[in-house]
């Protein structure tokens, strides 16, 4: 008799799947880890592979979650990219790309910072003000995402 499957607490991360981010009737299997050490998953509905960090600012990053949280805390303290580079030892382009990815995933990042890192909404607003001020060439998707999370903005 085969052992039962363990409970998978992740939803399909493939945008074209009809069960994209839906909990009900999901059929996701764990399938080992990739070279970076991230858990891989397989969706039996769309027959595609994805990793646990898909659709997050951590996707395609070689930084650990702790390092990214540390960089976010320095951004909240209004440190510049070069000062964060000196403090953390990461290249400023890496930090800049992380800031752009945070802007593109602003709504999810905002929820993560408030609930997991225990920042106040005002501290998160300071972070987004820093991102908006220092990154002049944000993509249109990043600009829309940032407008949704900044205090005083109206939800569409």
Protein backbone atom coordinates (compact mmCIF):
# COMPACT_ATOMS: atom_id res chain seq x y z
CA UNK A 1 0.00 0.00 0.00
CA UNK A 2 1.40 3.40 -0.97
CA UNK A 3 1.79 6.05 1.65
CA UNK A 4 -0.67 8.99 1.47
CA UNK A 5 0.41 12.27 -0.08
CA UNK A 6 1.35 15.08 2.25
CA UNK A 7 -0.77 18.22 2.30
CA UNK A 8 0.49 20.87 -0.13
CA UNK A 9 -0.18 24.42 1.08
CA UNK A 10 0.45 26.15 -2.24
CA UNK A 11 -1.84 26.90 -5.17
CA UNK A 12 -1.03 26.78 -8.89
CA UNK A 13 1.20 29.71 -9.88
CA UNK A 14 0.70 29.38 -13.65
CA UNK A 15 -1.51 32.31 -14.83
CA UNK A 16 -3.03 30.31 -17.73
CA UNK A 17 -4.28 27.50 -15.43
CA UNK A 18 -7.99 27.57 -14.56
CA UNK A 19 -7.02 26.83 -10.92
CA UNK A 20 -4.54 29.74 -10.74
CA UNK A 21 -4.37 30.85 -7.05
CA UNK A 22 -7.53 28.84 -6.22
CA UNK A 23 -7.64 26.61 -3.15
CA UNK A 24 -10.64 24.45 -4.08
CA UNK A 25 -10.04 21.35 -6.21
CA UNK A 26 -6.31 22.01 -6.53
CA UNK A 27 -4.15 19.03 -7.45
CA UNK A 28 -0.53 19.99 -6.77
CA UNK A 29 2.33 17.54 -6.20
CA UNK A 30 5.74 18.17 -4.65
CA UNK A 31 8.50 17.10 -7.03
CA UNK A 32 11.92 17.63 -5.45
CA UNK A 33 14.08 20.74 -5.29
CA UNK A 34 15.91 22.71 -7.97
CA UNK A 35 19.58 23.76 -7.97
CA UNK A 36 18.85 26.87 -5.91
CA UNK A 37 17.20 24.72 -3.24
CA UNK A 38 13.61 25.86 -3.87
CA UNK A 39 10.80 23.30 -3.71
CA UNK A 40 9.38 22.36 -7.12
CA UNK A 41 5.69 21.61 -7.70
CA UNK A 42 3.66 20.06 -10.49
CA UNK A 43 0.06 21.01 -11.32
CA UNK A 44 -2.00 18.04 -12.57
CA UNK A 45 -4.59 20.38 -14.13
CA UNK A 46 -2.33 22.40 -16.45
CA UNK A 47 0.52 19.81 -16.47
CA UNK A 48 3.20 22.43 -15.77
CA UNK A 49 6.04 22.78 -13.28
CA UNK A 50 6.63 25.78 -11.02
CA UNK A 51 8.69 26.62 -7.95
CA UNK A 52 7.55 27.90 -4.58
CA UNK A 53 8.83 31.41 -5.30
CA UNK A 54 6.96 31.90 -8.60
CA UNK A 55 5.13 35.24 -8.90
CA UNK A 56 6.96 36.69 -5.91
CA UNK A 57 9.90 39.12 -5.56
CA UNK A 58 12.00 36.09 -4.59
CA UNK A 59 11.65 34.48 -8.04
CA UNK A 60 15.02 34.13 -9.83
CA UNK A 61 16.85 35.63 -6.85
CA UNK A 62 19.94 34.12 -5.28
CA UNK A 63 19.29 36.00 -2.05
CA UNK A 64 17.71 34.23 0.88
CA UNK A 65 14.43 35.42 2.36
CA UNK A 66 16.29 36.73 5.43
CA UNK A 67 18.62 38.84 3.26
CA UNK A 68 15.66 40.31 1.36
CA UNK A 69 13.89 41.14 4.63
CA UNK A 70 17.10 42.79 5.88
CA UNK A 71 17.32 44.92 2.71
CA UNK A 72 13.63 45.90 3.09
CA UNK A 73 14.26 46.99 6.67
CA UNK A 74 17.13 49.20 5.50
CA UNK A 75 14.89 50.67 2.79
CA UNK A 76 12.28 51.53 5.44
CA UNK A 77 14.99 53.34 7.42
CA UNK A 78 15.51 55.55 4.33
CA UNK A 79 19.02 54.28 3.60
CA UNK A 80 20.16 54.81 0.03
CA UNK A 81 21.07 52.00 -2.35
CA UNK A 82 24.79 52.61 -1.92
CA UNK A 83 24.58 52.66 1.88
CA UNK A 84 22.59 49.41 1.81
CA UNK A 85 25.32 48.05 -0.47
CA UNK A 86 27.95 48.90 2.14
CA UNK A 87 25.88 47.49 5.02
CA UNK A 88 24.80 44.21 3.43
CA UNK A 89 27.67 43.56 1.03
CA UNK A 90 25.35 43.05 -1.97
CA UNK A 91 25.89 44.92 -5.24
CA UNK A 92 23.75 48.03 -5.77
CA UNK A 93 22.35 46.64 -9.04
CA UNK A 94 21.10 43.58 -7.14
CA UNK A 95 19.42 45.85 -4.60
CA UNK A 96 18.00 48.03 -7.40
CA UNK A 97 16.52 45.01 -9.19
CA UNK A 98 15.01 43.86 -5.90
CA UNK A 99 13.40 47.29 -5.47
CA UNK A 100 11.90 47.05 -8.97
CA UNK A 101 10.57 43.54 -8.26
CA UNK A 102 9.09 44.74 -4.97
CA UNK A 103 7.32 47.53 -6.87
CA UNK A 104 5.89 45.09 -9.41
CA UNK A 105 4.59 42.85 -6.61
CA UNK A 106 3.70 45.75 -4.32
CA UNK A 107 0.35 44.47 -3.06
CA UNK A 108 1.67 41.05 -2.03
CA UNK A 109 4.90 42.56 -0.70
CA UNK A 110 2.92 45.06 1.37
CA UNK A 111 0.85 42.28 2.95
CA UNK A 112 4.01 40.25 3.62
CA UNK A 113 5.79 43.22 5.24
CA UNK A 114 2.82 44.03 7.48
CA UNK A 115 2.01 40.47 8.57
CA UNK A 116 5.37 38.66 8.58
CA UNK A 117 7.94 41.41 9.19
CA UNK A 118 5.56 43.29 11.54
CA UNK A 119 5.98 46.71 9.91
CA UNK A 120 3.29 49.32 10.35
CA UNK A 121 1.39 50.60 7.29
CA UNK A 122 3.14 53.96 7.72
CA UNK A 123 6.57 52.28 7.52
CA UNK A 124 5.44 50.47 4.38
CA UNK A 125 4.28 53.78 2.92
CA UNK A 126 7.76 55.21 3.57
CA UNK A 127 9.25 52.23 1.72
CA UNK A 128 7.01 52.79 -1.30
CA UNK A 129 7.78 56.53 -1.27
CA UNK A 130 11.48 55.65 -1.39
CA UNK A 131 10.92 53.23 -4.27
CA UNK A 132 8.86 55.77 -6.20
CA UNK A 133 11.39 58.55 -5.65
CA UNK A 134 14.53 56.57 -6.53
CA UNK A 135 13.34 54.46 -9.45
CA UNK A 136 12.40 56.81 -12.27
CA UNK A 137 12.00 54.10 -14.89
CA UNK A 138 9.43 51.79 -13.35
CA UNK A 139 7.35 49.66 -15.67
CA UNK A 140 3.67 50.62 -16.09
CA UNK A 141 2.69 47.48 -14.16
CA UNK A 142 4.94 48.52 -11.26
CA UNK A 143 3.51 52.04 -11.25
CA UNK A 144 -0.07 50.70 -11.11
CA UNK A 145 0.82 48.25 -8.33
CA UNK A 146 2.45 51.01 -6.29
CA UNK A 147 -0.58 53.30 -6.64
CA UNK A 148 -2.72 50.54 -5.12
CA UNK A 149 -0.66 50.20 -1.93
CA UNK A 150 0.33 53.80 -1.21
CA UNK A 151 -1.67 55.43 1.57
CA UNK A 152 -4.24 57.95 0.43
CA UNK A 153 -4.82 56.24 -2.90
CA UNK A 154 -8.25 55.07 -3.91
CA UNK A 155 -8.89 51.47 -4.84
CA UNK A 156 -10.28 51.03 -8.35
